[in-house]
């Protein structure tokens, strides 16, 4: 699947749990949907200053898209590129709209007992690298998540993923950064694939070379 890529590590993101990695500028992370059914939430932080982080709002402005395509960059709250989507073997269905699940979300869904959630997974994964975040961040990039804009142009529909086993994306680091992932624990709302809504593992590969390297596009500006 990725034998042609130079890599320095292969890691598991266990179902319902999180994992974070440190990428150096020019390295990349390959996110593999091992079973083809799993949503993977993603966040990125400037390794030199974690108050600068990947922003879905700024990313949509920069790319003028609701969801990223190969060659698009993800932008920080300080309007700097932090990650670029350099390869995508999936159908290209991802999400930048929906908030990461958290404890309150599951309480609203009727859970009376603690439920694993992506937001806690973010903090746990970063803490495992010795990094303390200054605040929460519900605005994740939801890899493989299938959110469809409806014909009225304003309504969103939540659907299961449409990926296949082994589909992957590759994100290249545009600065030294921490990138955190959560194999989403959602098992109430039907977002995981295969019909049973069961969270499953995902895989990460830290790549050092031989992956695609498209040029960075600048920010969108209106024609004059």
C-alpha atoms as a PDB file:
ATOM      1  CA  UNK A   1       0.000   0.000   0.000  1.00  0.00           C
ATOM      2  CA  UNK A   2       2.781   2.477   0.804  1.00  0.00           C
ATOM      3  CA  UNK A   3       6.023   0.578   0.229  1.00  0.00           C
ATOM      4  CA  UNK A   4       7.174   3.306  -2.162  1.00  0.00           C
ATOM      5  CA  UNK A   5       7.143   5.924   0.588  1.00  0.00           C
ATOM      6  CA  UNK A   6      10.095   6.505   2.891  1.00  0.00           C
ATOM      7  CA  UNK A   7       8.847   6.277   6.468  1.00  0.00           C
ATOM      8  CA  UNK A   8      10.241   6.508   9.962  1.00  0.00           C
ATOM      9  CA  UNK A   9       7.335   5.162  12.014  1.00  0.00           C
ATOM     10  CA  UNK A  10       4.070   3.226  11.804  1.00  0.00           C
ATOM     11  CA  UNK A  11       1.507   3.737  14.553  1.00  0.00           C
ATOM     12  CA  UNK A  12      -1.933   2.489  15.514  1.00  0.00           C
ATOM     13  CA  UNK A  13      -4.814   4.751  16.524  1.00  0.00           C
ATOM     14  CA  UNK A  14      -6.917   2.324  18.586  1.00  0.00           C
ATOM     15  CA  UNK A  15     -10.674   2.402  18.139  1.00  0.00           C
ATOM     16  CA  UNK A  16     -12.244   5.083  20.372  1.00  0.00           C
ATOM     17  CA  UNK A  17      -8.827   6.491  21.333  1.00  0.00           C
ATOM     18  CA  UNK A  18      -6.384   9.132  20.111  1.00  0.00           C
ATOM     19  CA  UNK A  19      -2.769   9.469  19.007  1.00  0.00           C
ATOM     20  CA  UNK A  20      -0.586  12.515  18.369  1.00  0.00           C
ATOM     21  CA  UNK A  21       2.684  12.835  16.457  1.00  0.00           C
ATOM     22  CA  UNK A  22       5.359  15.484  15.981  1.00  0.00           C
ATOM     23  CA  UNK A  23       6.066  16.243  12.338  1.00  0.00           C
ATOM     24  CA  UNK A  24       9.024  18.257  11.127  1.00  0.00           C
ATOM     25  CA  UNK A  25       8.492  20.664   8.250  1.00  0.00           C
ATOM     26  CA  UNK A  26       8.506  18.692   4.985  1.00  0.00           C
ATOM     27  CA  UNK A  27       7.539  15.385   6.600  1.00  0.00           C
ATOM     28  CA  UNK A  28       4.068  13.940   6.166  1.00  0.00           C
ATOM     29  CA  UNK A  29       1.578  11.681   7.897  1.00  0.00           C
ATOM     30  CA  UNK A  30      -0.401   9.034   6.049  1.00  0.00           C
ATOM     31  CA  UNK A  31      -3.801   8.365   7.634  1.00  0.00           C
ATOM     32  CA  UNK A  32      -5.059   4.918   6.635  1.00  0.00           C
ATOM     33  CA  UNK A  33      -8.678   3.812   7.017  1.00  0.00           C
ATOM     34  CA  UNK A  34      -7.696   0.233   7.781  1.00  0.00           C
ATOM     35  CA  UNK A  35     -11.249  -1.146   7.751  1.00  0.00           C
ATOM     36  CA  UNK A  36     -12.714   1.455   5.415  1.00  0.00           C
ATOM     37  CA  UNK A  37     -15.412   2.372   7.927  1.00  0.00           C
ATOM     38  CA  UNK A  38     -13.836   4.784  10.404  1.00  0.00           C
ATOM     39  CA  UNK A  39     -14.053   8.562  10.858  1.00  0.00           C
ATOM     40  CA  UNK A  40     -10.775  10.081  12.092  1.00  0.00           C
ATOM     41  CA  UNK A  41     -10.817  13.538  13.691  1.00  0.00           C
ATOM     42  CA  UNK A  42      -7.655  15.610  13.189  1.00  0.00           C
ATOM     43  CA  UNK A  43      -6.088  18.713  14.767  1.00  0.00           C
ATOM     44  CA  UNK A  44      -2.709  20.415  14.207  1.00  0.00           C
ATOM     45  CA  UNK A  45      -0.685  22.829  16.357  1.00  0.00           C
ATOM     46  CA  UNK A  46       2.450  24.877  15.712  1.00  0.00           C
ATOM     47  CA  UNK A  47       5.154  22.989  17.627  1.00  0.00           C
ATOM     48  CA  UNK A  48       6.814  26.279  18.630  1.00  0.00           C
ATOM     49  CA  UNK A  49       3.589  27.866  19.911  1.00  0.00           C
ATOM     50  CA  UNK A  50       0.475  25.776  20.496  1.00  0.00           C
ATOM     51  CA  UNK A  51      -1.688  28.894  20.671  1.00  0.00           C
ATOM     52  CA  UNK A  52      -1.391  28.764  16.860  1.00  0.00           C
ATOM     53  CA  UNK A  53      -3.509  25.898  15.559  1.00  0.00           C
ATOM     54  CA  UNK A  54      -5.261  24.597  12.445  1.00  0.00           C
ATOM     55  CA  UNK A  55      -8.500  26.518  11.889  1.00  0.00           C
ATOM     56  CA  UNK A  56     -11.343  25.159   9.782  1.00  0.00           C
ATOM     57  CA  UNK A  57     -12.793  28.666   9.430  1.00  0.00           C
ATOM     58  CA  UNK A  58      -9.550  30.149   8.062  1.00  0.00           C
ATOM     59  CA  UNK A  59      -9.015  27.087   5.863  1.00  0.00           C
ATOM     60  CA  UNK A  60     -12.378  27.491   4.128  1.00  0.00           C
ATOM     61  CA  UNK A  61     -11.610  31.154   3.424  1.00  0.00           C
ATOM     62  CA  UNK A  62      -8.137  30.343   2.043  1.00  0.00           C
ATOM     63  CA  UNK A  63      -9.279  27.542  -0.277  1.00  0.00           C
ATOM     64  CA  UNK A  64     -12.800  28.780  -1.034  1.00  0.00           C
ATOM     65  CA  UNK A  65     -14.084  25.252  -0.561  1.00  0.00           C
ATOM     66  CA  UNK A  66     -16.324  23.586   1.963  1.00  0.00           C
ATOM     67  CA  UNK A  67     -14.055  20.525   1.990  1.00  0.00           C
ATOM     68  CA  UNK A  68     -10.422  20.126   0.917  1.00  0.00           C
ATOM     69  CA  UNK A  69      -9.127  18.652  -2.318  1.00  0.00           C
ATOM     70  CA  UNK A  70      -5.651  17.334  -3.093  1.00  0.00           C
ATOM     71  CA  UNK A  71      -3.263  20.289  -3.191  1.00  0.00           C
ATOM     72  CA  UNK A  72      -5.264  22.365  -0.693  1.00  0.00           C
ATOM     73  CA  UNK A  73      -3.633  23.609   2.499  1.00  0.00           C
ATOM     74  CA  UNK A  74      -5.014  23.814   6.020  1.00  0.00           C
ATOM     75  CA  UNK A  75      -4.562  27.221   7.602  1.00  0.00           C
ATOM     76  CA  UNK A  76      -3.953  28.314  11.177  1.00  0.00           C
ATOM     77  CA  UNK A  77      -5.750  30.895  13.258  1.00  0.00           C
ATOM     78  CA  UNK A  78      -2.823  33.171  12.358  1.00  0.00           C
ATOM     79  CA  UNK A  79      -3.419  32.580   8.602  1.00  0.00           C
ATOM     80  CA  UNK A  80      -0.354  30.403   7.955  1.00  0.00           C
ATOM     81  CA  UNK A  81      -0.367  27.046   6.131  1.00  0.00           C
ATOM     82  CA  UNK A  82       0.271  24.206   8.575  1.00  0.00           C
ATOM     83  CA  UNK A  83      -0.694  21.053   6.611  1.00  0.00           C
ATOM     84  CA  UNK A  84      -1.273  20.336   2.913  1.00  0.00           C
ATOM     85  CA  UNK A  85      -3.342  17.478   1.521  1.00  0.00           C
ATOM     86  CA  UNK A  86      -0.909  15.941  -0.970  1.00  0.00           C
ATOM     87  CA  UNK A  87      -2.598  12.603  -1.760  1.00  0.00           C
ATOM     88  CA  UNK A  88      -6.040  11.085  -1.281  1.00  0.00           C
ATOM     89  CA  UNK A  89      -6.989   7.589  -2.474  1.00  0.00           C
ATOM     90  CA  UNK A  90     -10.439   7.774  -0.900  1.00  0.00           C
ATOM     91  CA  UNK A  91     -13.511   9.157  -2.717  1.00  0.00           C
ATOM     92  CA  UNK A  92     -12.462  12.543  -1.304  1.00  0.00           C
ATOM     93  CA  UNK A  93     -15.379  12.854   1.114  1.00  0.00           C
ATOM     94  CA  UNK A  94     -14.234  14.625   4.289  1.00  0.00           C
ATOM     95  CA  UNK A  95     -15.768  17.228   6.608  1.00  0.00           C
ATOM     96  CA  UNK A  96     -14.821  20.650   7.989  1.00  0.00           C
ATOM     97  CA  UNK A  97     -18.242  21.557   9.432  1.00  0.00           C
ATOM     98  CA  UNK A  98     -19.044  19.291  12.339  1.00  0.00           C
ATOM     99  CA  UNK A  99     -17.692  19.822  15.842  1.00  0.00           C
ATOM    100  CA  UNK A 100     -15.692  17.022  17.409  1.00  0.00           C
ATOM    101  CA  UNK A 101     -17.729  14.951  19.836  1.00  0.00           C
ATOM    102  CA  UNK A 102     -17.223  15.728  23.517  1.00  0.00           C
ATOM    103  CA  UNK A 103     -18.704  14.672  26.848  1.00  0.00           C
ATOM    104  CA  UNK A 104     -21.561  17.166  26.583  1.00  0.00           C
ATOM    105  CA  UNK A 105     -22.478  15.868  23.121  1.00  0.00           C
ATOM    106  CA  UNK A 106     -22.979  12.358  24.487  1.00  0.00           C
ATOM    107  CA  UNK A 107     -25.004  13.668  27.421  1.00  0.00           C
ATOM    108  CA  UNK A 108     -27.281  15.403  24.912  1.00  0.00           C
ATOM    109  CA  UNK A 109     -27.545  12.085  23.035  1.00  0.00           C
ATOM    110  CA  UNK A 110     -28.852  10.435  26.197  1.00  0.00           C
ATOM    111  CA  UNK A 111     -25.720   8.858  27.681  1.00  0.00           C
ATOM    112  CA  UNK A 112     -25.899   8.685  31.461  1.00  0.00           C
ATOM    113  CA  UNK A 113     -22.434   7.145  31.874  1.00  0.00           C
ATOM    114  CA  UNK A 114     -19.090   8.597  30.725  1.00  0.00           C
ATOM    115  CA  UNK A 115     -18.468   7.986  27.011  1.00  0.00           C
ATOM    116  CA  UNK A 116     -15.130   8.189  25.263  1.00  0.00           C
ATOM    117  CA  UNK A 117     -15.032  11.181  22.942  1.00  0.00           C
ATOM    118  CA  UNK A 118     -12.777  12.886  20.414  1.00  0.00           C
ATOM    119  CA  UNK A 119     -12.244  16.054  22.428  1.00  0.00           C
ATOM    120  CA  UNK A 120     -10.882  14.153  25.425  1.00  0.00           C
ATOM    121  CA  UNK A 121      -8.838  12.019  23.022  1.00  0.00           C
ATOM    122  CA  UNK A 122      -7.171  15.206  21.740  1.00  0.00           C
ATOM    123  CA  UNK A 123      -6.038  16.212  25.224  1.00  0.00           C
ATOM    124  CA  UNK A 124      -4.930  12.666  26.103  1.00  0.00           C
ATOM    125  CA  UNK A 125      -2.941  12.277  22.881  1.00  0.00           C
ATOM    126  CA  UNK A 126      -1.150  15.604  23.293  1.00  0.00           C
ATOM    127  CA  UNK A 127      -0.446  14.924  26.959  1.00  0.00           C
ATOM    128  CA  UNK A 128       1.241  11.667  25.920  1.00  0.00           C
ATOM    129  CA  UNK A 129       3.752  13.850  24.031  1.00  0.00           C
ATOM    130  CA  UNK A 130       4.187  16.066  27.079  1.00  0.00           C
ATOM    131  CA  UNK A 131       2.156  18.916  25.571  1.00  0.00           C
ATOM    132  CA  UNK A 132      -0.484  20.803  27.544  1.00  0.00           C
ATOM    133  CA  UNK A 133      -3.040  22.673  25.444  1.00  0.00           C
ATOM    134  CA  UNK A 134      -4.192  26.117  26.608  1.00  0.00           C
ATOM    135  CA  UNK A 135      -7.821  25.582  25.613  1.00  0.00           C
ATOM    136  CA  UNK A 136     -10.197  23.180  23.920  1.00  0.00           C
ATOM    137  CA  UNK A 137     -10.837  22.969  20.205  1.00  0.00           C
ATOM    138  CA  UNK A 138     -14.050  21.458  18.850  1.00  0.00           C
ATOM    139  CA  UNK A 139     -13.227  22.497  15.250  1.00  0.00           C
ATOM    140  CA  UNK A 140     -11.530  19.351  13.968  1.00  0.00           C
ATOM    141  CA  UNK A 141     -10.868  18.262  10.392  1.00  0.00           C
ATOM    142  CA  UNK A 142     -13.030  15.138  10.183  1.00  0.00           C
ATOM    143  CA  UNK A 143     -11.214  12.796   7.826  1.00  0.00           C
ATOM    144  CA  UNK A 144     -13.467  10.401   5.889  1.00  0.00           C
ATOM    145  CA  UNK A 145     -16.632  11.857   7.494  1.00  0.00           C
ATOM    146  CA  UNK A 146     -19.594  12.085   5.099  1.00  0.00           C
ATOM    147  CA  UNK A 147     -21.561  15.301   5.599  1.00  0.00           C
ATOM    148  CA  UNK A 148     -23.636  16.299   2.570  1.00  0.00           C
ATOM    149  CA  UNK A 149     -24.948  19.762   1.774  1.00  0.00           C
ATOM    150  CA  UNK A 150     -28.546  19.330   0.654  1.00  0.00           C
ATOM    151  CA  UNK A 151     -30.135  20.837  -2.477  1.00  0.00           C
ATOM    152  CA  UNK A 152     -31.506  23.806  -0.529  1.00  0.00           C
ATOM    153  CA  UNK A 153     -27.895  24.915  -0.009  1.00  0.00           C
ATOM    154  CA  UNK A 154     -28.236  25.326   3.765  1.00  0.00           C
ATOM    155  CA  UNK A 155     -29.210  21.957   5.263  1.00  0.00           C
ATOM    156  CA  UNK A 156     -26.606  19.340   6.190  1.00  0.00           C
ATOM    157  CA  UNK A 157     -27.160  15.570   6.182  1.00  0.00           C
ATOM    158  CA  UNK A 158     -25.028  13.205   8.268  1.00  0.00           C
ATOM    159  CA  UNK A 159     -24.262   9.876   6.568  1.00  0.00           C
ATOM    160  CA  UNK A 160     -21.879   6.931   7.050  1.00  0.00           C
ATOM    161  CA  UNK A 161     -18.419   7.047   5.484  1.00  0.00           C
ATOM    162  CA  UNK A 162     -17.963   5.912   1.866  1.00  0.00           C
ATOM    163  CA  UNK A 163     -14.332   4.812   2.047  1.00  0.00           C
ATOM    164  CA  UNK A 164     -12.893   1.374   1.333  1.00  0.00           C
ATOM    165  CA  UNK A 165     -10.507  -0.659   3.450  1.00  0.00           C
ATOM    166  CA  UNK A 166      -6.998   0.710   2.906  1.00  0.00           C
ATOM    167  CA  UNK A 167      -8.045   4.139   1.611  1.00  0.00           C
ATOM    168  CA  UNK A 168      -5.728   6.874   2.879  1.00  0.00           C
ATOM    169  CA  UNK A 169      -4.828  10.521   2.788  1.00  0.00           C
ATOM    170  CA  UNK A 170      -1.377  12.094   3.156  1.00  0.00           C
ATOM    171  CA  UNK A 171      -0.912  15.412   4.959  1.00  0.00           C
ATOM    172  CA  UNK A 172       2.421  17.246   4.558  1.00  0.00           C
ATOM    173  CA  UNK A 173       3.699  19.507   7.331  1.00  0.00           C
ATOM    174  CA  UNK A 174       4.325  23.129   6.300  1.00  0.00           C
ATOM    175  CA  UNK A 175       5.905  23.913   9.694  1.00  0.00           C
ATOM    176  CA  UNK A 176       7.093  21.839  12.631  1.00  0.00           C
ATOM    177  CA  UNK A 177       3.796  20.794  14.143  1.00  0.00           C
ATOM    178  CA  UNK A 178       1.956  18.428  16.410  1.00  0.00           C
ATOM    179  CA  UNK A 179      -0.834  16.542  14.656  1.00  0.00           C
ATOM    180  CA  UNK A 180      -3.421  14.751  16.780  1.00  0.00           C
ATOM    181  CA  UNK A 181      -5.919  12.127  15.646  1.00  0.00           C
ATOM    182  CA  UNK A 182      -8.939  10.419  17.179  1.00  0.00           C
ATOM    183  CA  UNK A 183     -10.522   7.203  15.914  1.00  0.00           C
ATOM    184  CA  UNK A 184     -13.949   8.649  16.593  1.00  0.00           C
ATOM    185  CA  UNK A 185     -15.881   6.820  19.362  1.00  0.00           C
ATOM    186  CA  UNK A 186     -19.288   7.833  17.962  1.00  0.00           C
ATOM    187  CA  UNK A 187     -21.584   4.798  18.144  1.00  0.00           C
ATOM    188  CA  UNK A 188     -24.981   6.495  18.463  1.00  0.00           C
ATOM    189  CA  UNK A 189     -25.194   8.774  15.417  1.00  0.00           C
ATOM    190  CA  UNK A 190     -24.666   6.680  12.273  1.00  0.00           C
ATOM    191  CA  UNK A 191     -21.369   8.003  10.881  1.00  0.00           C
ATOM    192  CA  UNK A 192     -19.142   4.921  10.873  1.00  0.00           C
ATOM    193  CA  UNK A 193     -19.544   2.713   7.826  1.00  0.00           C
ATOM    194  CA  UNK A 194     -20.604  -0.911   7.243  1.00  0.00           C
ATOM    195  CA  UNK A 195     -23.984  -0.382   8.907  1.00  0.00           C
ATOM    196  CA  UNK A 196     -23.082  -1.422  12.462  1.00  0.00           C
ATOM    197  CA  UNK A 197     -21.672   1.970  13.584  1.00  0.00           C
ATOM    198  CA  UNK A 198     -18.789   0.279  15.409  1.00  0.00           C
ATOM    199  CA  UNK A 199     -15.633   2.383  15.968  1.00  0.00           C
ATOM    200  CA  UNK A 200     -12.497   0.693  14.618  1.00  0.00           C
ATOM    201  CA  UNK A 201      -8.738   1.228  14.525  1.00  0.00           C
ATOM    202  CA  UNK A 202      -6.940   3.456  12.046  1.00  0.00           C
ATOM    203  CA  UNK A 203      -3.254   3.518  11.104  1.00  0.00           C
ATOM    204  CA  UNK A 204      -0.649   6.273  10.803  1.00  0.00           C
ATOM    205  CA  UNK A 205       2.617   6.249   8.884  1.00  0.00           C
ATOM    206  CA  UNK A 206       5.143   9.056   9.401  1.00  0.00           C
ATOM    207  CA  UNK A 207       6.669   9.696   5.976  1.00  0.00           C
ATOM    208  CA  UNK A 208       9.997  11.326   5.193  1.00  0.00           C
ATOM    209  CA  UNK A 209      10.093  11.128   1.402  1.00  0.00           C
ATOM    210  CA  UNK A 210       8.784   9.888  -1.960  1.00  0.00           C
ATOM    211  CA  UNK A 211       5.257  11.195  -1.414  1.00  0.00           C
ATOM    212  CA  UNK A 212       3.678  13.783  -3.783  1.00  0.00           C
ATOM    213  CA  UNK A 213       4.839  17.368  -3.226  1.00  0.00           C
ATOM    214  CA  UNK A 214       2.472  19.835  -4.900  1.00  0.00           C
ATOM    215  CA  UNK A 215       3.291  23.526  -4.759  1.00  0.00           C
ATOM    216  CA  UNK A 216       1.541  25.590  -2.129  1.00  0.00           C
ATOM    217  CA  UNK A 217      -1.300  27.703  -3.487  1.00  0.00           C
ATOM    218  CA  UNK A 218      -1.633  31.159  -2.044  1.00  0.00           C
ATOM    219  CA  UNK A 219      -4.734  32.531  -0.350  1.00  0.00           C
ATOM    220  CA  UNK A 220      -7.776  33.196  -2.462  1.00  0.00           C
ATOM    221  CA  UNK A 221      -8.274  36.841  -3.419  1.00  0.00           C
ATOM    222  CA  UNK A 222     -11.145  38.173  -5.528  1.00  0.00           C
ATOM    223  CA  UNK A 223     -10.558  39.022  -9.188  1.00  0.00           C
ATOM    224  CA  UNK A 224     -10.109  42.728  -9.883  1.00  0.00           C
END
